[in-house]
Amino acid sequence: ISLIIASEDMVDPQHLNALINQKSTTAPSGEVTLLKYQGKYYVQDGNHRIAGAGGRGDKEINALVLDLDNI
């Protein structure tokens, strides 16, 4: 999670608190989508889920990663 760069500056606090209080963010791949470019991971979709996982102290999150370096 620490390598992920958010694509939004703000998140909805109520939505974020609800996600933090969930046991985990093991959402099916696709609910969190990342773009990998030059070794960095940018959020395409799932900013709230990633912020919630980070707020819980999770180190990892399930995500669909689109590797743009290999296109």
Protein backbone atom coordinates (compact mmCIF):
# COMPACT_ATOMS: atom_id res chain seq x y z
CA ILE A 1 0.00 0.00 0.00
CA SER A 2 2.86 2.38 0.73
CA LEU A 3 3.91 2.29 -2.95
CA ILE A 4 0.49 3.39 -4.24
CA ILE A 5 -0.06 6.97 -5.39
CA ALA A 6 -3.64 8.23 -4.96
CA SER A 7 -5.48 9.80 -7.87
CA GLU A 8 -7.80 11.86 -5.64
CA ASP A 9 -6.86 14.51 -3.11
CA MET A 10 -9.98 14.03 -0.98
CA VAL A 11 -12.07 11.09 0.18
CA ASP A 12 -15.52 11.01 1.81
CA PRO A 13 -14.84 10.73 5.58
CA GLN A 14 -17.96 8.63 6.31
CA HIS A 15 -17.17 6.18 3.52
CA LEU A 16 -13.53 6.01 4.64
CA ASN A 17 -14.50 5.31 8.28
CA ALA A 18 -16.82 2.50 7.17
CA LEU A 19 -13.99 0.91 5.18
CA ILE A 20 -11.49 1.29 8.03
CA ASN A 21 -13.90 -0.55 10.33
CA GLN A 22 -14.19 -3.52 7.97
CA LYS A 23 -12.02 -6.50 8.91
CA SER A 24 -10.16 -6.46 5.60
CA THR A 25 -10.22 -5.07 2.12
CA THR A 26 -9.97 -8.35 0.29
CA ALA A 27 -12.25 -7.14 -2.47
CA PRO A 28 -12.30 -9.14 -5.68
CA SER A 29 -9.67 -8.01 -8.17
CA GLY A 30 -11.11 -5.22 -10.27
CA GLU A 31 -12.63 -3.25 -7.39
CA VAL A 32 -9.17 -1.76 -6.94
CA THR A 33 -7.39 -1.00 -10.20
CA LEU A 34 -3.82 0.26 -10.37
CA LEU A 35 -1.73 1.47 -13.27
CA LYS A 36 1.94 0.51 -12.97
CA TYR A 37 4.24 2.96 -14.72
CA GLN A 38 7.99 3.25 -14.26
CA GLY A 39 7.90 1.24 -11.03
CA LYS A 40 5.13 3.32 -9.44
CA TYR A 41 1.50 2.34 -8.87
CA TYR A 42 -1.21 4.91 -9.62
CA VAL A 43 -4.83 4.42 -8.57
CA GLN A 44 -7.29 4.21 -11.41
CA ASP A 45 -10.17 3.03 -9.21
CA GLY A 46 -10.43 2.25 -5.49
CA ASN A 47 -9.02 5.28 -3.66
CA HIS A 48 -11.38 4.82 -0.71
CA ARG A 49 -10.60 1.09 -0.37
CA ILE A 50 -6.87 1.78 -0.43
CA ALA A 51 -7.18 4.61 2.11
CA GLY A 52 -9.32 2.35 4.34
CA ALA A 53 -6.78 -0.47 4.16
CA GLY A 54 -3.99 1.95 4.98
CA GLY A 55 -6.00 3.36 7.89
CA ARG A 56 -6.28 -0.16 9.32
CA GLY A 57 -2.55 -0.70 8.94
CA ASP A 58 -2.84 -3.25 6.13
CA LYS A 59 0.37 -3.71 4.14
CA GLU A 60 -1.26 -5.20 1.01
CA ILE A 61 -4.50 -5.04 -0.94
CA ASN A 62 -5.93 -7.18 -3.75
CA ALA A 63 -5.84 -5.24 -7.00
CA LEU A 64 -5.97 -5.56 -10.74
CA VAL A 65 -2.65 -4.10 -11.94
CA LEU A 66 -2.33 -2.86 -15.51
CA ASP A 67 1.40 -2.77 -16.34
CA LEU A 68 1.91 0.13 -18.76
CA ASP A 69 5.66 -0.49 -18.95
CA ASN A 70 5.05 -3.62 -21.03
CA ILE A 71 2.69 -2.19 -23.64
